[in-house]
């Protein structure tokens, strides 16, 4: 059962970010309260313009705040090869008619959490730079937010940007580690372990109406995934994270304390957890981040149900 929820979305639109917004808009008793943008799939200026375009296209009355333009401690790297030069598969369209707020996405997140303690949830589907900065503005953020769902990580599967690291965490490993160490009491991580298994085949795309905007933007995205997966279709990373936020029962989870590898030559950006059979505090070695609050990492999901829900959401007028 999808419960009533008010959500702040932090994103880097991005084709699958756009699908996540379509998914949220279609759900009953679900309100997108605000959107913050961040570097990642495209530079933050393009991500912000895309967020405004999507808000207008979806007829959402939602403020958009522009966030961090670069990671905390490494050069900016973007992913136009996955999402197109405009971030929306060549279909971004005209310049938006509306403008973003003057305050930053981190300030917006901190201010909204302070003003609505315990009432708002966060869906973070881009690099976590804004969330890390919001923690510096408001250290009580972990107790002020209700639920937090992050799309990121590759725990027991290969990465998608290096052999070990998933893109969102790799784009700002320091920010991701700060967020995992912050003490959020209800934190769920949706990584490649479940998103790659939710691959939507060509038949799913073919079932969409030809004049459906998501079908248009998915063409570029599907071509990218088909080029290296060897099968037609695409992977809906961000909308699956949105679905898990609203309906946790769609997935099963491994609960652990997590950290991000920051110094490994080949493993920088990888999410790590102590999954040994040894008991906590074993004299044979120090546990990973024993001081951290436990989080849930999704390990399986009901992919068929989710893909049916996503198809319904993206075809809503």
C-alpha atoms as a PDB file:
ATOM      1  CA  UNK A   1       0.000   0.000   0.000  1.00  0.00           C
ATOM      2  CA  UNK A   2       1.388   3.412  -1.003  1.00  0.00           C
ATOM      3  CA  UNK A   3       1.141   5.739   1.961  1.00  0.00           C
ATOM      4  CA  UNK A   4       0.544   9.470   1.861  1.00  0.00           C
ATOM      5  CA  UNK A   5       3.865  11.223   1.505  1.00  0.00           C
ATOM      6  CA  UNK A   6       5.356  14.678   0.940  1.00  0.00           C
ATOM      7  CA  UNK A   7       8.669  14.487  -0.890  1.00  0.00           C
ATOM      8  CA  UNK A   8      11.676  16.652  -1.662  1.00  0.00           C
ATOM      9  CA  UNK A   9      13.405  15.403  -4.823  1.00  0.00           C
ATOM     10  CA  UNK A  10      17.127  15.992  -5.330  1.00  0.00           C
ATOM     11  CA  UNK A  11      18.038  15.097  -8.903  1.00  0.00           C
ATOM     12  CA  UNK A  12      20.247  15.657 -11.946  1.00  0.00           C
ATOM     13  CA  UNK A  13      17.723  15.379 -14.835  1.00  0.00           C
ATOM     14  CA  UNK A  14      18.570  13.126 -16.760  1.00  0.00           C
ATOM     15  CA  UNK A  15      16.224  10.762 -18.554  1.00  0.00           C
ATOM     16  CA  UNK A  16      15.586   8.350 -15.699  1.00  0.00           C
ATOM     17  CA  UNK A  17      15.193  11.337 -13.327  1.00  0.00           C
ATOM     18  CA  UNK A  18      12.404  12.526 -15.631  1.00  0.00           C
ATOM     19  CA  UNK A  19      10.740   9.103 -15.388  1.00  0.00           C
ATOM     20  CA  UNK A  20      10.953   9.295 -11.598  1.00  0.00           C
ATOM     21  CA  UNK A  21       9.051  12.592 -11.651  1.00  0.00           C
ATOM     22  CA  UNK A  22       6.417  11.048 -13.914  1.00  0.00           C
ATOM     23  CA  UNK A  23       6.153   8.140 -11.491  1.00  0.00           C
ATOM     24  CA  UNK A  24       5.701  10.364  -8.434  1.00  0.00           C
ATOM     25  CA  UNK A  25       3.158  12.597 -10.156  1.00  0.00           C
ATOM     26  CA  UNK A  26       0.950   9.618 -10.968  1.00  0.00           C
ATOM     27  CA  UNK A  27       0.716   8.274  -7.419  1.00  0.00           C
ATOM     28  CA  UNK A  28      -2.278   9.108  -5.207  1.00  0.00           C
ATOM     29  CA  UNK A  29      -1.668  10.939  -1.946  1.00  0.00           C
ATOM     30  CA  UNK A  30       1.851  11.865  -3.026  1.00  0.00           C
ATOM     31  CA  UNK A  31       3.073  15.461  -3.144  1.00  0.00           C
ATOM     32  CA  UNK A  32       6.351  16.687  -4.613  1.00  0.00           C
ATOM     33  CA  UNK A  33       7.101  19.610  -2.287  1.00  0.00           C
ATOM     34  CA  UNK A  34      10.302  20.854  -3.946  1.00  0.00           C
ATOM     35  CA  UNK A  35      13.031  19.887  -6.394  1.00  0.00           C
ATOM     36  CA  UNK A  36      16.740  20.543  -5.991  1.00  0.00           C
ATOM     37  CA  UNK A  37      19.173  20.051  -8.839  1.00  0.00           C
ATOM     38  CA  UNK A  38      22.781  18.904  -8.825  1.00  0.00           C
ATOM     39  CA  UNK A  39      25.643  18.189 -11.226  1.00  0.00           C
ATOM     40  CA  UNK A  40      25.815  14.630 -12.513  1.00  0.00           C
ATOM     41  CA  UNK A  41      24.168  13.512 -15.732  1.00  0.00           C
ATOM     42  CA  UNK A  42      24.689  17.032 -17.090  1.00  0.00           C
ATOM     43  CA  UNK A  43      26.094  20.287 -15.638  1.00  0.00           C
ATOM     44  CA  UNK A  44      23.836  21.759 -12.973  1.00  0.00           C
ATOM     45  CA  UNK A  45      22.680  24.638 -15.190  1.00  0.00           C
ATOM     46  CA  UNK A  46      21.313  22.133 -17.732  1.00  0.00           C
ATOM     47  CA  UNK A  47      19.890  19.946 -14.977  1.00  0.00           C
ATOM     48  CA  UNK A  48      18.071  22.971 -13.565  1.00  0.00           C
ATOM     49  CA  UNK A  49      16.647  23.972 -16.935  1.00  0.00           C
ATOM     50  CA  UNK A  50      15.484  20.381 -17.428  1.00  0.00           C
ATOM     51  CA  UNK A  51      13.847  20.288 -13.996  1.00  0.00           C
ATOM     52  CA  UNK A  52      11.949  23.478 -14.841  1.00  0.00           C
ATOM     53  CA  UNK A  53      10.916  22.042 -18.211  1.00  0.00           C
ATOM     54  CA  UNK A  54       9.630  18.887 -16.544  1.00  0.00           C
ATOM     55  CA  UNK A  55       7.738  20.820 -13.885  1.00  0.00           C
ATOM     56  CA  UNK A  56       6.022  22.794 -16.640  1.00  0.00           C
ATOM     57  CA  UNK A  57       5.314  19.708 -18.763  1.00  0.00           C
ATOM     58  CA  UNK A  58       3.850  17.835 -15.792  1.00  0.00           C
ATOM     59  CA  UNK A  59       1.844  20.852 -14.582  1.00  0.00           C
ATOM     60  CA  UNK A  60       3.468  20.737 -11.166  1.00  0.00           C
ATOM     61  CA  UNK A  61       3.373  23.739  -8.870  1.00  0.00           C
ATOM     62  CA  UNK A  62       6.777  23.003  -7.369  1.00  0.00           C
ATOM     63  CA  UNK A  63       9.744  25.281  -6.598  1.00  0.00           C
ATOM     64  CA  UNK A  64      13.062  24.341  -8.200  1.00  0.00           C
ATOM     65  CA  UNK A  65      16.363  25.317  -6.561  1.00  0.00           C
ATOM     66  CA  UNK A  66      19.711  25.040  -8.338  1.00  0.00           C
ATOM     67  CA  UNK A  67      22.313  23.168  -6.347  1.00  0.00           C
ATOM     68  CA  UNK A  68      25.971  22.241  -6.423  1.00  0.00           C
ATOM     69  CA  UNK A  69      27.832  22.744  -9.685  1.00  0.00           C
ATOM     70  CA  UNK A  70      30.714  20.437  -8.787  1.00  0.00           C
ATOM     71  CA  UNK A  71      31.653  17.660  -6.363  1.00  0.00           C
ATOM     72  CA  UNK A  72      33.158  18.383  -2.953  1.00  0.00           C
ATOM     73  CA  UNK A  73      36.671  17.149  -3.712  1.00  0.00           C
ATOM     74  CA  UNK A  74      37.164  16.154  -7.349  1.00  0.00           C
ATOM     75  CA  UNK A  75      36.702  17.632 -10.829  1.00  0.00           C
ATOM     76  CA  UNK A  76      33.270  17.773 -12.456  1.00  0.00           C
ATOM     77  CA  UNK A  77      32.410  14.832 -14.714  1.00  0.00           C
ATOM     78  CA  UNK A  78      29.107  14.435 -16.537  1.00  0.00           C
ATOM     79  CA  UNK A  79      27.303  11.755 -18.568  1.00  0.00           C
ATOM     80  CA  UNK A  80      25.962  13.233 -21.796  1.00  0.00           C
ATOM     81  CA  UNK A  81      26.891   9.980 -23.536  1.00  0.00           C
ATOM     82  CA  UNK A  82      24.126   8.290 -21.560  1.00  0.00           C
ATOM     83  CA  UNK A  83      21.482  11.038 -21.530  1.00  0.00           C
ATOM     84  CA  UNK A  84      22.253  13.186 -24.588  1.00  0.00           C
ATOM     85  CA  UNK A  85      23.853  16.617 -24.803  1.00  0.00           C
ATOM     86  CA  UNK A  86      20.694  18.228 -23.419  1.00  0.00           C
ATOM     87  CA  UNK A  87      20.195  15.531 -20.779  1.00  0.00           C
ATOM     88  CA  UNK A  88      16.820  14.520 -22.203  1.00  0.00           C
ATOM     89  CA  UNK A  89      17.807  12.479 -25.220  1.00  0.00           C
ATOM     90  CA  UNK A  90      17.678  15.414 -27.626  1.00  0.00           C
ATOM     91  CA  UNK A  91      14.086  16.297 -26.663  1.00  0.00           C
ATOM     92  CA  UNK A  92      14.595  18.915 -23.953  1.00  0.00           C
ATOM     93  CA  UNK A  93      12.709  21.420 -26.096  1.00  0.00           C
ATOM     94  CA  UNK A  94      12.310  25.170 -25.623  1.00  0.00           C
ATOM     95  CA  UNK A  95      13.809  27.143 -22.797  1.00  0.00           C
ATOM     96  CA  UNK A  96      11.685  26.974 -19.635  1.00  0.00           C
ATOM     97  CA  UNK A  97       9.257  29.801 -18.973  1.00  0.00           C
ATOM     98  CA  UNK A  98       9.807  29.719 -15.221  1.00  0.00           C
ATOM     99  CA  UNK A  99      12.903  30.408 -13.107  1.00  0.00           C
ATOM    100  CA  UNK A 100      14.640  28.642 -10.269  1.00  0.00           C
ATOM    101  CA  UNK A 101      14.739  30.036  -6.747  1.00  0.00           C
ATOM    102  CA  UNK A 102      17.514  32.293  -5.528  1.00  0.00           C
ATOM    103  CA  UNK A 103      18.379  30.014  -2.623  1.00  0.00           C
ATOM    104  CA  UNK A 104      20.480  26.956  -3.306  1.00  0.00           C
ATOM    105  CA  UNK A 105      19.164  23.402  -3.296  1.00  0.00           C
ATOM    106  CA  UNK A 106      21.053  22.698  -0.051  1.00  0.00           C
ATOM    107  CA  UNK A 107      19.504  25.769   1.585  1.00  0.00           C
ATOM    108  CA  UNK A 108      16.062  24.780   0.315  1.00  0.00           C
ATOM    109  CA  UNK A 109      16.441  21.274   1.747  1.00  0.00           C
ATOM    110  CA  UNK A 110      17.621  22.540   5.134  1.00  0.00           C
ATOM    111  CA  UNK A 111      14.929  25.241   5.327  1.00  0.00           C
ATOM    112  CA  UNK A 112      12.089  22.895   4.394  1.00  0.00           C
ATOM    113  CA  UNK A 113      13.246  20.260   6.882  1.00  0.00           C
ATOM    114  CA  UNK A 114      13.403  22.851   9.669  1.00  0.00           C
ATOM    115  CA  UNK A 115       9.957  24.196   8.811  1.00  0.00           C
ATOM    116  CA  UNK A 116       8.332  20.760   8.581  1.00  0.00           C
ATOM    117  CA  UNK A 117      10.074  18.551  11.155  1.00  0.00           C
ATOM    118  CA  UNK A 118       9.305  14.885  10.635  1.00  0.00           C
ATOM    119  CA  UNK A 119       6.849  15.572   7.808  1.00  0.00           C
ATOM    120  CA  UNK A 120       9.003  15.404   4.665  1.00  0.00           C
ATOM    121  CA  UNK A 121      10.846  12.564   2.939  1.00  0.00           C
ATOM    122  CA  UNK A 122      13.834  12.902   0.638  1.00  0.00           C
ATOM    123  CA  UNK A 123      14.363  11.116  -2.672  1.00  0.00           C
ATOM    124  CA  UNK A 124      17.989  11.675  -3.733  1.00  0.00           C
ATOM    125  CA  UNK A 125      18.561  10.351  -7.258  1.00  0.00           C
ATOM    126  CA  UNK A 126      21.722  12.205  -8.241  1.00  0.00           C
ATOM    127  CA  UNK A 127      25.142  12.718  -6.671  1.00  0.00           C
ATOM    128  CA  UNK A 128      24.730  13.547  -2.980  1.00  0.00           C
ATOM    129  CA  UNK A 129      26.562  16.879  -2.952  1.00  0.00           C
ATOM    130  CA  UNK A 130      23.483  18.929  -2.054  1.00  0.00           C
ATOM    131  CA  UNK A 131      22.545  16.599   0.786  1.00  0.00           C
ATOM    132  CA  UNK A 132      26.077  16.740   2.195  1.00  0.00           C
ATOM    133  CA  UNK A 133      26.021  20.549   2.029  1.00  0.00           C
ATOM    134  CA  UNK A 134      22.596  20.650   3.680  1.00  0.00           C
ATOM    135  CA  UNK A 135      24.049  18.617   6.552  1.00  0.00           C
ATOM    136  CA  UNK A 136      26.632  21.358   7.071  1.00  0.00           C
ATOM    137  CA  UNK A 137      23.863  23.976   7.134  1.00  0.00           C
ATOM    138  CA  UNK A 138      21.584  21.933   9.394  1.00  0.00           C
ATOM    139  CA  UNK A 139      23.284  19.108  11.332  1.00  0.00           C
ATOM    140  CA  UNK A 140      19.873  18.023  12.664  1.00  0.00           C
ATOM    141  CA  UNK A 141      18.757  17.048   9.156  1.00  0.00           C
ATOM    142  CA  UNK A 142      18.802  13.294   9.948  1.00  0.00           C
ATOM    143  CA  UNK A 143      16.217  13.775  12.692  1.00  0.00           C
ATOM    144  CA  UNK A 144      14.165  16.365  10.805  1.00  0.00           C
ATOM    145  CA  UNK A 145      13.466  14.216   7.724  1.00  0.00           C
ATOM    146  CA  UNK A 146      11.091  11.255   7.808  1.00  0.00           C
ATOM    147  CA  UNK A 147      12.352   8.774   5.210  1.00  0.00           C
ATOM    148  CA  UNK A 148      15.373   9.065   2.913  1.00  0.00           C
ATOM    149  CA  UNK A 149      15.841   6.945  -0.206  1.00  0.00           C
ATOM    150  CA  UNK A 150      19.068   7.259  -2.173  1.00  0.00           C
ATOM    151  CA  UNK A 151      19.688   5.829  -5.634  1.00  0.00           C
ATOM    152  CA  UNK A 152      23.303   4.727  -5.673  1.00  0.00           C
ATOM    153  CA  UNK A 153      25.819   1.983  -5.118  1.00  0.00           C
ATOM    154  CA  UNK A 154      26.786  -1.439  -6.403  1.00  0.00           C
ATOM    155  CA  UNK A 155      27.261  -3.689  -3.399  1.00  0.00           C
ATOM    156  CA  UNK A 156      27.417  -7.219  -4.823  1.00  0.00           C
ATOM    157  CA  UNK A 157      27.391  -6.452  -8.558  1.00  0.00           C
ATOM    158  CA  UNK A 158      29.795  -4.585 -10.864  1.00  0.00           C
ATOM    159  CA  UNK A 159      29.665  -0.810 -11.070  1.00  0.00           C
ATOM    160  CA  UNK A 160      28.412   1.048 -14.118  1.00  0.00           C
ATOM    161  CA  UNK A 161      31.049   3.764 -14.362  1.00  0.00           C
ATOM    162  CA  UNK A 162      34.054   1.852 -13.062  1.00  0.00           C
ATOM    163  CA  UNK A 163      34.356  -1.842 -12.343  1.00  0.00           C
ATOM    164  CA  UNK A 164      33.352  -1.184  -8.723  1.00  0.00           C
ATOM    165  CA  UNK A 165      31.562   2.168  -8.517  1.00  0.00           C
ATOM    166  CA  UNK A 166      28.025   3.222  -9.439  1.00  0.00           C
ATOM    167  CA  UNK A 167      27.687   6.618 -11.133  1.00  0.00           C
ATOM    168  CA  UNK A 168      25.923   8.703  -8.461  1.00  0.00           C
ATOM    169  CA  UNK A 169      28.372   7.731  -5.717  1.00  0.00           C
ATOM    170  CA  UNK A 170      31.371   7.939  -8.065  1.00  0.00           C
ATOM    171  CA  UNK A 171      30.445  11.492  -9.104  1.00  0.00           C
ATOM    172  CA  UNK A 172      30.940  12.617  -5.477  1.00  0.00           C
ATOM    173  CA  UNK A 173      32.288   9.908  -3.164  1.00  0.00           C
ATOM    174  CA  UNK A 174      33.021  12.299  -0.293  1.00  0.00           C
ATOM    175  CA  UNK A 175      29.443  13.577  -0.293  1.00  0.00           C
ATOM    176  CA  UNK A 176      28.031  10.046  -0.403  1.00  0.00           C
ATOM    177  CA  UNK A 177      30.167   8.980   2.552  1.00  0.00           C
ATOM    178  CA  UNK A 178      29.129  12.033   4.584  1.00  0.00           C
ATOM    179  CA  UNK A 179      25.472  11.163   3.993  1.00  0.00           C
ATOM    180  CA  UNK A 180      25.925   7.503   4.957  1.00  0.00           C
ATOM    181  CA  UNK A 181      27.731   8.600   8.135  1.00  0.00           C
ATOM    182  CA  UNK A 182      25.180  11.270   9.105  1.00  0.00           C
ATOM    183  CA  UNK A 183      22.881   9.061  11.177  1.00  0.00           C
ATOM    184  CA  UNK A 184      19.625   9.068   9.184  1.00  0.00           C
ATOM    185  CA  UNK A 185      17.306   6.742  11.081  1.00  0.00           C
ATOM    186  CA  UNK A 186      15.287   5.602   8.048  1.00  0.00           C
ATOM    187  CA  UNK A 187      17.720   5.417   5.129  1.00  0.00           C
ATOM    188  CA  UNK A 188      17.263   3.075   2.166  1.00  0.00           C
ATOM    189  CA  UNK A 189      19.791   2.669  -0.634  1.00  0.00           C
ATOM    190  CA  UNK A 190      18.591   1.451  -4.023  1.00  0.00           C
ATOM    191  CA  UNK A 191      21.589   0.396  -6.081  1.00  0.00           C
ATOM    192  CA  UNK A 192      22.530  -1.494  -9.190  1.00  0.00           C
ATOM    193  CA  UNK A 193      21.841  -4.830  -7.460  1.00  0.00           C
ATOM    194  CA  UNK A 194      18.134  -4.208  -8.072  1.00  0.00           C
ATOM    195  CA  UNK A 195      17.973  -1.511 -10.735  1.00  0.00           C
ATOM    196  CA  UNK A 196      19.890  -3.482 -13.364  1.00  0.00           C
ATOM    197  CA  UNK A 197      17.532  -6.428 -12.791  1.00  0.00           C
ATOM    198  CA  UNK A 198      14.556  -4.140 -13.495  1.00  0.00           C
ATOM    199  CA  UNK A 199      15.595  -3.829 -17.153  1.00  0.00           C
ATOM    200  CA  UNK A 200      12.612  -2.799 -19.271  1.00  0.00           C
ATOM    201  CA  UNK A 201      12.659  -4.722 -22.568  1.00  0.00           C
ATOM    202  CA  UNK A 202      11.848  -3.408 -26.024  1.00  0.00           C
ATOM    203  CA  UNK A 203       8.300  -4.738 -25.700  1.00  0.00           C
ATOM    204  CA  UNK A 204       7.779  -2.363 -22.770  1.00  0.00           C
ATOM    205  CA  UNK A 205       8.872   0.574 -24.909  1.00  0.00           C
ATOM    206  CA  UNK A 206       6.793  -0.556 -27.883  1.00  0.00           C
ATOM    207  CA  UNK A 207       3.671  -0.540 -25.696  1.00  0.00           C
ATOM    208  CA  UNK A 208       3.990   3.201 -25.078  1.00  0.00           C
ATOM    209  CA  UNK A 209       1.989   5.568 -27.322  1.00  0.00           C
ATOM    210  CA  UNK A 210       4.107   7.071 -30.106  1.00  0.00           C
ATOM    211  CA  UNK A 211       3.317  10.627 -28.999  1.00  0.00           C
ATOM    212  CA  UNK A 212       4.246   9.881 -25.382  1.00  0.00           C
ATOM    213  CA  UNK A 213       7.075  12.209 -24.266  1.00  0.00           C
ATOM    214  CA  UNK A 214       8.806   9.532 -22.161  1.00  0.00           C
ATOM    215  CA  UNK A 215       8.957   7.288 -25.233  1.00  0.00           C
ATOM    216  CA  UNK A 216      10.685  10.089 -27.145  1.00  0.00           C
ATOM    217  CA  UNK A 217      13.369  10.760 -24.555  1.00  0.00           C
ATOM    218  CA  UNK A 218      13.922   7.044 -23.933  1.00  0.00           C
ATOM    219  CA  UNK A 219      15.132   6.446 -27.483  1.00  0.00           C
ATOM    220  CA  UNK A 220      18.632   7.787 -26.807  1.00  0.00           C
ATOM    221  CA  UNK A 221      18.791   6.091 -23.406  1.00  0.00           C
ATOM    222  CA  UNK A 222      17.704   2.723 -24.804  1.00  0.00           C
ATOM    223  CA  UNK A 223      20.267   2.969 -27.603  1.00  0.00           C
ATOM    224  CA  UNK A 224      22.993   3.496 -25.004  1.00  0.00           C
ATOM    225  CA  UNK A 225      21.939   0.504 -22.913  1.00  0.00           C
ATOM    226  CA  UNK A 226      21.444  -1.699 -25.950  1.00  0.00           C
ATOM    227  CA  UNK A 227      24.973  -0.891 -27.111  1.00  0.00           C
ATOM    228  CA  UNK A 228      26.601  -2.647 -24.161  1.00  0.00           C
ATOM    229  CA  UNK A 229      23.945  -4.941 -22.684  1.00  0.00           C
ATOM    230  CA  UNK A 230      23.395  -6.664 -26.008  1.00  0.00           C
ATOM    231  CA  UNK A 231      19.622  -6.519 -25.666  1.00  0.00           C
ATOM    232  CA  UNK A 232      17.070  -3.833 -26.468  1.00  0.00           C
ATOM    233  CA  UNK A 233      15.487  -1.795 -23.704  1.00  0.00           C
ATOM    234  CA  UNK A 234      16.701   0.367 -20.828  1.00  0.00           C
ATOM    235  CA  UNK A 235      17.338   0.375 -17.081  1.00  0.00           C
ATOM    236  CA  UNK A 236      14.987   2.532 -14.946  1.00  0.00           C
ATOM    237  CA  UNK A 237      17.312   3.319 -12.017  1.00  0.00           C
ATOM    238  CA  UNK A 238      15.699   6.461 -10.582  1.00  0.00           C
ATOM    239  CA  UNK A 239      12.016   5.533 -10.937  1.00  0.00           C
ATOM    240  CA  UNK A 240      12.675   2.283  -9.071  1.00  0.00           C
ATOM    241  CA  UNK A 241      14.103   4.321  -6.175  1.00  0.00           C
ATOM    242  CA  UNK A 242      10.952   6.469  -6.263  1.00  0.00           C
ATOM    243  CA  UNK A 243       8.783   3.347  -6.178  1.00  0.00           C
ATOM    244  CA  UNK A 244      10.693   1.916  -3.211  1.00  0.00           C
ATOM    245  CA  UNK A 245      10.268   5.183  -1.296  1.00  0.00           C
ATOM    246  CA  UNK A 246       6.500   5.026  -1.721  1.00  0.00           C
ATOM    247  CA  UNK A 247       6.114   1.260  -1.432  1.00  0.00           C
ATOM    248  CA  UNK A 248       8.976  -0.331   0.557  1.00  0.00           C
ATOM    249  CA  UNK A 249       7.372  -3.755   0.195  1.00  0.00           C
ATOM    250  CA  UNK A 250       8.388  -3.819  -3.477  1.00  0.00           C
ATOM    251  CA  UNK A 251      11.894  -4.800  -2.369  1.00  0.00           C
ATOM    252  CA  UNK A 252      13.789  -6.925   0.135  1.00  0.00           C
ATOM    253  CA  UNK A 253      16.806  -5.547   1.954  1.00  0.00           C
ATOM    254  CA  UNK A 254      20.166  -6.229   3.526  1.00  0.00           C
ATOM    255  CA  UNK A 255      20.596  -4.147   6.664  1.00  0.00           C
ATOM    256  CA  UNK A 256      24.107  -3.034   7.536  1.00  0.00           C
ATOM    257  CA  UNK A 257      26.399  -0.096   8.197  1.00  0.00           C
ATOM    258  CA  UNK A 258      27.757   1.305   4.962  1.00  0.00           C
ATOM    259  CA  UNK A 259      30.669   3.463   3.871  1.00  0.00           C
ATOM    260  CA  UNK A 260      32.143   4.698   0.601  1.00  0.00           C
ATOM    261  CA  UNK A 261      35.688   3.844  -0.418  1.00  0.00           C
ATOM    262  CA  UNK A 262      37.538   7.151  -0.877  1.00  0.00           C
ATOM    263  CA  UNK A 263      41.188   6.248  -1.420  1.00  0.00           C
ATOM    264  CA  UNK A 264      41.297   3.001  -3.378  1.00  0.00           C
ATOM    265  CA  UNK A 265      43.119   3.308  -6.683  1.00  0.00           C
ATOM    266  CA  UNK A 266      40.601   1.064  -8.427  1.00  0.00           C
ATOM    267  CA  UNK A 267      37.696   1.155  -5.978  1.00  0.00           C
ATOM    268  CA  UNK A 268      37.093   4.849  -5.248  1.00  0.00           C
ATOM    269  CA  UNK A 269      33.354   5.471  -5.029  1.00  0.00           C
ATOM    270  CA  UNK A 270      32.395   1.885  -4.172  1.00  0.00           C
ATOM    271  CA  UNK A 271      29.874   1.263  -1.403  1.00  0.00           C
ATOM    272  CA  UNK A 272      31.226  -1.164   1.180  1.00  0.00           C
ATOM    273  CA  UNK A 273      29.753  -3.095   4.129  1.00  0.00           C
ATOM    274  CA  UNK A 274      31.113  -5.677   6.534  1.00  0.00           C
ATOM    275  CA  UNK A 275      29.286  -8.794   5.371  1.00  0.00           C
ATOM    276  CA  UNK A 276      31.575 -11.320   7.085  1.00  0.00           C
ATOM    277  CA  UNK A 277      30.138 -14.137   9.181  1.00  0.00           C
ATOM    278  CA  UNK A 278      32.244 -12.943  12.145  1.00  0.00           C
ATOM    279  CA  UNK A 279      30.373 -11.381  15.038  1.00  0.00           C
ATOM    280  CA  UNK A 280      30.567  -7.590  15.502  1.00  0.00           C
ATOM    281  CA  UNK A 281      33.635  -6.623  17.493  1.00  0.00           C
ATOM    282  CA  UNK A 282      35.574  -9.703  16.421  1.00  0.00           C
ATOM    283  CA  UNK A 283      39.250  -9.527  17.440  1.00  0.00           C
ATOM    284  CA  UNK A 284      40.200 -10.559  13.913  1.00  0.00           C
ATOM    285  CA  UNK A 285      39.440  -7.200  12.405  1.00  0.00           C
ATOM    286  CA  UNK A 286      37.669  -3.899  12.824  1.00  0.00           C
ATOM    287  CA  UNK A 287      34.143  -3.710  11.457  1.00  0.00           C
ATOM    288  CA  UNK A 288      33.413  -1.209   8.706  1.00  0.00           C
ATOM    289  CA  UNK A 289      32.158   2.055  10.155  1.00  0.00           C
ATOM    290  CA  UNK A 290      30.958   0.521  13.432  1.00  0.00           C
ATOM    291  CA  UNK A 291      29.950   3.959  14.670  1.00  0.00           C
ATOM    292  CA  UNK A 292      27.425   4.419  11.866  1.00  0.00           C
ATOM    293  CA  UNK A 293      23.668   4.013  11.962  1.00  0.00           C
ATOM    294  CA  UNK A 294      22.421   1.007  10.024  1.00  0.00           C
ATOM    295  CA  UNK A 295      20.741   1.504   6.646  1.00  0.00           C
ATOM    296  CA  UNK A 296      18.823  -0.799   4.311  1.00  0.00           C
ATOM    297  CA  UNK A 297      20.238  -1.797   0.945  1.00  0.00           C
ATOM    298  CA  UNK A 298      17.771  -3.224  -1.580  1.00  0.00           C
ATOM    299  CA  UNK A 299      18.791  -6.683  -2.811  1.00  0.00           C
ATOM    300  CA  UNK A 300      15.688  -7.910  -4.663  1.00  0.00           C
ATOM    301  CA  UNK A 301      12.624  -6.179  -6.100  1.00  0.00           C
ATOM    302  CA  UNK A 302       9.289  -7.090  -7.640  1.00  0.00           C
ATOM    303  CA  UNK A 303      10.346  -5.984 -11.110  1.00  0.00           C
ATOM    304  CA  UNK A 304       7.169  -7.012 -12.950  1.00  0.00           C
ATOM    305  CA  UNK A 305       4.903  -5.048 -10.617  1.00  0.00           C
ATOM    306  CA  UNK A 306       7.196  -2.030 -10.749  1.00  0.00           C
ATOM    307  CA  UNK A 307       7.408  -1.993 -14.552  1.00  0.00           C
ATOM    308  CA  UNK A 308       3.618  -2.191 -14.805  1.00  0.00           C
ATOM    309  CA  UNK A 309       3.333   0.745 -12.410  1.00  0.00           C
ATOM    310  CA  UNK A 310       5.916   2.733 -14.368  1.00  0.00           C
ATOM    311  CA  UNK A 311       4.138   2.130 -17.689  1.00  0.00           C
ATOM    312  CA  UNK A 312       0.890   3.372 -16.164  1.00  0.00           C
ATOM    313  CA  UNK A 313       2.615   6.439 -14.722  1.00  0.00           C
ATOM    314  CA  UNK A 314       4.364   7.606 -17.879  1.00  0.00           C
ATOM    315  CA  UNK A 315       1.221   7.313 -20.011  1.00  0.00           C
ATOM    316  CA  UNK A 316      -0.930   9.475 -17.735  1.00  0.00           C
ATOM    317  CA  UNK A 317      -2.076  12.708 -19.464  1.00  0.00           C
END
